[in-house]
């Protein structure tokens, strides 16, 4: 219905119900079968639960690496893009696989499809928490300041 449909009716319905739907939509109204609404709501609730699970268990960097995997990038491409070592990419992926209970890049990608609708606000909040914790200890966890780029992975030693 987001894409402009005025109604959803099941083809198994009696002809009179289908005609009622057509008449209502033609008159400017909307039609939604109760079972369709219920199934849609159940799907939204399942997706919301999955989104909350991912946002709660993964760090912002793990989410970033996982999204790059889902986009088809290799470990080397991810490492180059994020200015970290391939070993660090693998460490993030191992942690992500364990936290989400997946065993392959493909399964991770499927898991992230569910997560794709999570708002950027949730990610920003998680990042702000991580940054705030780093400020309390004087540095962002797992990172070292570099003079020319700001922040890089401490294990990569690249500027």
C-alpha atoms as a PDB file:
ATOM      1  CA  UNK A   1       0.000   0.000   0.000  1.00  0.00           C
ATOM      2  CA  UNK A   2       3.059   2.224   0.404  1.00  0.00           C
ATOM      3  CA  UNK A   3       3.457   2.072  -3.356  1.00  0.00           C
ATOM      4  CA  UNK A   4      -0.016   3.336  -4.107  1.00  0.00           C
ATOM      5  CA  UNK A   5      -2.316   0.321  -3.865  1.00  0.00           C
ATOM      6  CA  UNK A   6      -5.686   1.262  -2.491  1.00  0.00           C
ATOM      7  CA  UNK A   7      -6.537  -2.195  -1.262  1.00  0.00           C
ATOM      8  CA  UNK A   8      -5.475  -5.730  -0.687  1.00  0.00           C
ATOM      9  CA  UNK A   9      -7.958  -8.515  -1.199  1.00  0.00           C
ATOM     10  CA  UNK A  10      -7.375 -12.244  -1.265  1.00  0.00           C
ATOM     11  CA  UNK A  11      -8.266 -13.993  -4.506  1.00  0.00           C
ATOM     12  CA  UNK A  12      -9.844 -16.797  -2.438  1.00  0.00           C
ATOM     13  CA  UNK A  13     -12.568 -14.385  -1.264  1.00  0.00           C
ATOM     14  CA  UNK A  14     -16.092 -14.568  -2.579  1.00  0.00           C
ATOM     15  CA  UNK A  15     -16.773 -12.550  -5.710  1.00  0.00           C
ATOM     16  CA  UNK A  16     -19.021 -10.201  -3.723  1.00  0.00           C
ATOM     17  CA  UNK A  17     -16.164  -9.303  -1.355  1.00  0.00           C
ATOM     18  CA  UNK A  18     -13.829  -8.660  -4.268  1.00  0.00           C
ATOM     19  CA  UNK A  19     -16.434  -6.380  -5.850  1.00  0.00           C
ATOM     20  CA  UNK A  20     -16.910  -4.567  -2.515  1.00  0.00           C
ATOM     21  CA  UNK A  21     -13.152  -3.973  -2.402  1.00  0.00           C
ATOM     22  CA  UNK A  22     -13.092  -2.620  -5.957  1.00  0.00           C
ATOM     23  CA  UNK A  23     -16.047  -0.303  -5.277  1.00  0.00           C
ATOM     24  CA  UNK A  24     -14.519   1.048  -2.055  1.00  0.00           C
ATOM     25  CA  UNK A  25     -11.134   1.738  -3.658  1.00  0.00           C
ATOM     26  CA  UNK A  26     -12.793   3.277  -6.745  1.00  0.00           C
ATOM     27  CA  UNK A  27     -14.670   5.617  -4.391  1.00  0.00           C
ATOM     28  CA  UNK A  28     -11.363   6.736  -2.839  1.00  0.00           C
ATOM     29  CA  UNK A  29     -11.374   4.433   0.154  1.00  0.00           C
ATOM     30  CA  UNK A  30      -9.027   1.668   1.211  1.00  0.00           C
ATOM     31  CA  UNK A  31      -9.495  -2.050   1.719  1.00  0.00           C
ATOM     32  CA  UNK A  32      -7.351  -4.372   3.769  1.00  0.00           C
ATOM     33  CA  UNK A  33      -8.286  -7.937   4.606  1.00  0.00           C
ATOM     34  CA  UNK A  34      -8.068  -8.527   8.365  1.00  0.00           C
ATOM     35  CA  UNK A  35      -5.799 -11.569   7.927  1.00  0.00           C
ATOM     36  CA  UNK A  36      -3.419  -9.547   5.727  1.00  0.00           C
ATOM     37  CA  UNK A  37      -3.215  -6.812   8.348  1.00  0.00           C
ATOM     38  CA  UNK A  38      -2.541  -9.365  11.074  1.00  0.00           C
ATOM     39  CA  UNK A  39       0.203 -11.093   9.070  1.00  0.00           C
ATOM     40  CA  UNK A  40       1.741  -7.734   8.175  1.00  0.00           C
ATOM     41  CA  UNK A  41       1.802  -6.690  11.818  1.00  0.00           C
ATOM     42  CA  UNK A  42       3.367 -10.006  12.846  1.00  0.00           C
ATOM     43  CA  UNK A  43       6.062  -9.524  10.183  1.00  0.00           C
ATOM     44  CA  UNK A  44       6.786  -5.977  11.333  1.00  0.00           C
ATOM     45  CA  UNK A  45       7.083  -7.137  14.939  1.00  0.00           C
ATOM     46  CA  UNK A  46       9.463  -9.971  13.944  1.00  0.00           C
ATOM     47  CA  UNK A  47      11.582  -7.541  11.948  1.00  0.00           C
ATOM     48  CA  UNK A  48      11.651  -5.035  14.802  1.00  0.00           C
ATOM     49  CA  UNK A  49      12.797  -7.746  17.211  1.00  0.00           C
ATOM     50  CA  UNK A  50      15.581  -8.771  14.807  1.00  0.00           C
ATOM     51  CA  UNK A  51      16.635  -5.135  14.368  1.00  0.00           C
ATOM     52  CA  UNK A  52      16.823  -4.619  18.112  1.00  0.00           C
ATOM     53  CA  UNK A  53      18.833  -7.827  18.523  1.00  0.00           C
ATOM     54  CA  UNK A  54      21.423  -6.768  15.944  1.00  0.00           C
ATOM     55  CA  UNK A  55      21.707  -3.214  17.285  1.00  0.00           C
ATOM     56  CA  UNK A  56      22.019  -4.510  20.843  1.00  0.00           C
ATOM     57  CA  UNK A  57      24.747  -7.080  20.234  1.00  0.00           C
ATOM     58  CA  UNK A  58      26.970  -5.611  17.514  1.00  0.00           C
ATOM     59  CA  UNK A  59      29.309  -2.669  17.842  1.00  0.00           C
ATOM     60  CA  UNK A  60      29.022   0.110  15.250  1.00  0.00           C
ATOM     61  CA  UNK A  61      32.248  -1.130  13.606  1.00  0.00           C
ATOM     62  CA  UNK A  62      30.921  -4.705  13.420  1.00  0.00           C
ATOM     63  CA  UNK A  63      27.765  -3.388  11.784  1.00  0.00           C
ATOM     64  CA  UNK A  64      29.862  -1.396   9.321  1.00  0.00           C
ATOM     65  CA  UNK A  65      32.009  -4.422   8.421  1.00  0.00           C
ATOM     66  CA  UNK A  66      28.943  -6.665   8.144  1.00  0.00           C
ATOM     67  CA  UNK A  67      27.217  -4.243   5.773  1.00  0.00           C
ATOM     68  CA  UNK A  68      30.305  -4.174   3.586  1.00  0.00           C
ATOM     69  CA  UNK A  69      30.297  -7.983   3.507  1.00  0.00           C
ATOM     70  CA  UNK A  70      26.634  -7.893   2.496  1.00  0.00           C
ATOM     71  CA  UNK A  71      27.568  -5.461  -0.281  1.00  0.00           C
ATOM     72  CA  UNK A  72      29.967  -8.089  -1.633  1.00  0.00           C
ATOM     73  CA  UNK A  73      33.309  -6.615  -0.596  1.00  0.00           C
ATOM     74  CA  UNK A  74      36.253  -8.899   0.157  1.00  0.00           C
ATOM     75  CA  UNK A  75      38.142  -8.718   3.437  1.00  0.00           C
ATOM     76  CA  UNK A  76      40.954  -6.849   1.683  1.00  0.00           C
ATOM     77  CA  UNK A  77      38.541  -4.302   0.178  1.00  0.00           C
ATOM     78  CA  UNK A  78      36.926  -3.776   3.583  1.00  0.00           C
ATOM     79  CA  UNK A  79      40.323  -3.379   5.253  1.00  0.00           C
ATOM     80  CA  UNK A  80      41.427  -0.830   2.657  1.00  0.00           C
ATOM     81  CA  UNK A  81      38.181   1.140   2.914  1.00  0.00           C
ATOM     82  CA  UNK A  82      38.283   1.287   6.717  1.00  0.00           C
ATOM     83  CA  UNK A  83      42.072   1.696   7.062  1.00  0.00           C
ATOM     84  CA  UNK A  84      42.377  -1.444   9.181  1.00  0.00           C
ATOM     85  CA  UNK A  85      44.214  -4.734   8.653  1.00  0.00           C
ATOM     86  CA  UNK A  86      42.624  -7.810   7.084  1.00  0.00           C
ATOM     87  CA  UNK A  87      43.215  -9.547  10.414  1.00  0.00           C
ATOM     88  CA  UNK A  88      41.078  -6.932  12.148  1.00  0.00           C
ATOM     89  CA  UNK A  89      38.319  -7.436   9.555  1.00  0.00           C
ATOM     90  CA  UNK A  90      38.445 -11.184  10.265  1.00  0.00           C
ATOM     91  CA  UNK A  91      38.287 -10.519  14.013  1.00  0.00           C
ATOM     92  CA  UNK A  92      35.173  -8.347  13.551  1.00  0.00           C
ATOM     93  CA  UNK A  93      33.591 -11.011  11.349  1.00  0.00           C
ATOM     94  CA  UNK A  94      34.320 -13.832  13.818  1.00  0.00           C
ATOM     95  CA  UNK A  95      32.738 -11.801  16.613  1.00  0.00           C
ATOM     96  CA  UNK A  96      29.747 -10.916  14.414  1.00  0.00           C
ATOM     97  CA  UNK A  97      29.208 -14.537  13.318  1.00  0.00           C
ATOM     98  CA  UNK A  98      29.310 -15.672  16.940  1.00  0.00           C
ATOM     99  CA  UNK A  99      26.989 -12.938  18.231  1.00  0.00           C
ATOM    100  CA  UNK A 100      24.385 -13.474  15.496  1.00  0.00           C
ATOM    101  CA  UNK A 101      24.699 -17.252  15.370  1.00  0.00           C
ATOM    102  CA  UNK A 102      25.577 -17.374  11.660  1.00  0.00           C
ATOM    103  CA  UNK A 103      28.304 -19.423  10.024  1.00  0.00           C
ATOM    104  CA  UNK A 104      28.893 -17.845   6.617  1.00  0.00           C
ATOM    105  CA  UNK A 105      29.054 -14.530   4.794  1.00  0.00           C
ATOM    106  CA  UNK A 106      25.856 -15.454   2.930  1.00  0.00           C
ATOM    107  CA  UNK A 107      23.949 -16.133   6.150  1.00  0.00           C
ATOM    108  CA  UNK A 108      25.254 -12.854   7.535  1.00  0.00           C
ATOM    109  CA  UNK A 109      23.964 -11.043   4.443  1.00  0.00           C
ATOM    110  CA  UNK A 110      20.524 -12.610   4.851  1.00  0.00           C
ATOM    111  CA  UNK A 111      20.499 -11.635   8.522  1.00  0.00           C
ATOM    112  CA  UNK A 112      21.359  -8.055   7.576  1.00  0.00           C
ATOM    113  CA  UNK A 113      18.472  -7.838   5.118  1.00  0.00           C
ATOM    114  CA  UNK A 114      16.204  -7.970   8.138  1.00  0.00           C
ATOM    115  CA  UNK A 115      18.357  -5.374   9.845  1.00  0.00           C
ATOM    116  CA  UNK A 116      18.420  -3.018   6.854  1.00  0.00           C
ATOM    117  CA  UNK A 117      15.390  -1.077   8.052  1.00  0.00           C
ATOM    118  CA  UNK A 118      16.900  -0.260  11.442  1.00  0.00           C
ATOM    119  CA  UNK A 119      17.082   3.460  11.806  1.00  0.00           C
ATOM    120  CA  UNK A 120      20.407   5.252  11.625  1.00  0.00           C
ATOM    121  CA  UNK A 121      19.474   6.766  14.977  1.00  0.00           C
ATOM    122  CA  UNK A 122      19.940   3.388  16.697  1.00  0.00           C
ATOM    123  CA  UNK A 123      23.381   3.007  15.116  1.00  0.00           C
ATOM    124  CA  UNK A 124      24.318   6.563  16.049  1.00  0.00           C
ATOM    125  CA  UNK A 125      23.220   5.945  19.646  1.00  0.00           C
ATOM    126  CA  UNK A 126      25.379   2.821  19.863  1.00  0.00           C
ATOM    127  CA  UNK A 127      28.315   4.725  18.381  1.00  0.00           C
ATOM    128  CA  UNK A 128      27.788   7.595  20.834  1.00  0.00           C
ATOM    129  CA  UNK A 129      27.816   5.129  23.757  1.00  0.00           C
ATOM    130  CA  UNK A 130      31.068   3.580  22.508  1.00  0.00           C
ATOM    131  CA  UNK A 131      32.654   7.005  21.971  1.00  0.00           C
ATOM    132  CA  UNK A 132      31.480   8.219  25.390  1.00  0.00           C
ATOM    133  CA  UNK A 133      33.006   5.153  27.082  1.00  0.00           C
ATOM    134  CA  UNK A 134      36.261   5.887  25.248  1.00  0.00           C
ATOM    135  CA  UNK A 135      36.273   9.502  26.415  1.00  0.00           C
ATOM    136  CA  UNK A 136      35.956   8.392  30.026  1.00  0.00           C
ATOM    137  CA  UNK A 137      39.076   6.265  29.685  1.00  0.00           C
ATOM    138  CA  UNK A 138      40.883   8.874  27.579  1.00  0.00           C
ATOM    139  CA  UNK A 139      40.779   7.001  24.246  1.00  0.00           C
ATOM    140  CA  UNK A 140      38.304   5.264  22.017  1.00  0.00           C
ATOM    141  CA  UNK A 141      38.460   1.509  22.711  1.00  0.00           C
ATOM    142  CA  UNK A 142      40.720  -0.324  20.242  1.00  0.00           C
ATOM    143  CA  UNK A 143      41.889   2.797  18.455  1.00  0.00           C
ATOM    144  CA  UNK A 144      44.913   5.078  18.537  1.00  0.00           C
ATOM    145  CA  UNK A 145      45.092   8.653  17.340  1.00  0.00           C
ATOM    146  CA  UNK A 146      47.139   9.242  14.204  1.00  0.00           C
ATOM    147  CA  UNK A 147      48.346  12.744  13.368  1.00  0.00           C
ATOM    148  CA  UNK A 148      47.294  12.875   9.719  1.00  0.00           C
ATOM    149  CA  UNK A 149      44.026  10.860   9.639  1.00  0.00           C
ATOM    150  CA  UNK A 150      42.503  11.277  13.048  1.00  0.00           C
ATOM    151  CA  UNK A 151      41.578   7.748  14.043  1.00  0.00           C
ATOM    152  CA  UNK A 152      42.847   4.400  12.765  1.00  0.00           C
ATOM    153  CA  UNK A 153      42.870   0.848  13.971  1.00  0.00           C
ATOM    154  CA  UNK A 154      45.725   0.401  16.421  1.00  0.00           C
ATOM    155  CA  UNK A 155      46.734  -2.922  14.854  1.00  0.00           C
ATOM    156  CA  UNK A 156      47.136  -1.625  11.315  1.00  0.00           C
ATOM    157  CA  UNK A 157      49.753   1.059  11.996  1.00  0.00           C
ATOM    158  CA  UNK A 158      48.786   2.739   8.733  1.00  0.00           C
ATOM    159  CA  UNK A 159      48.412   6.541   8.602  1.00  0.00           C
END
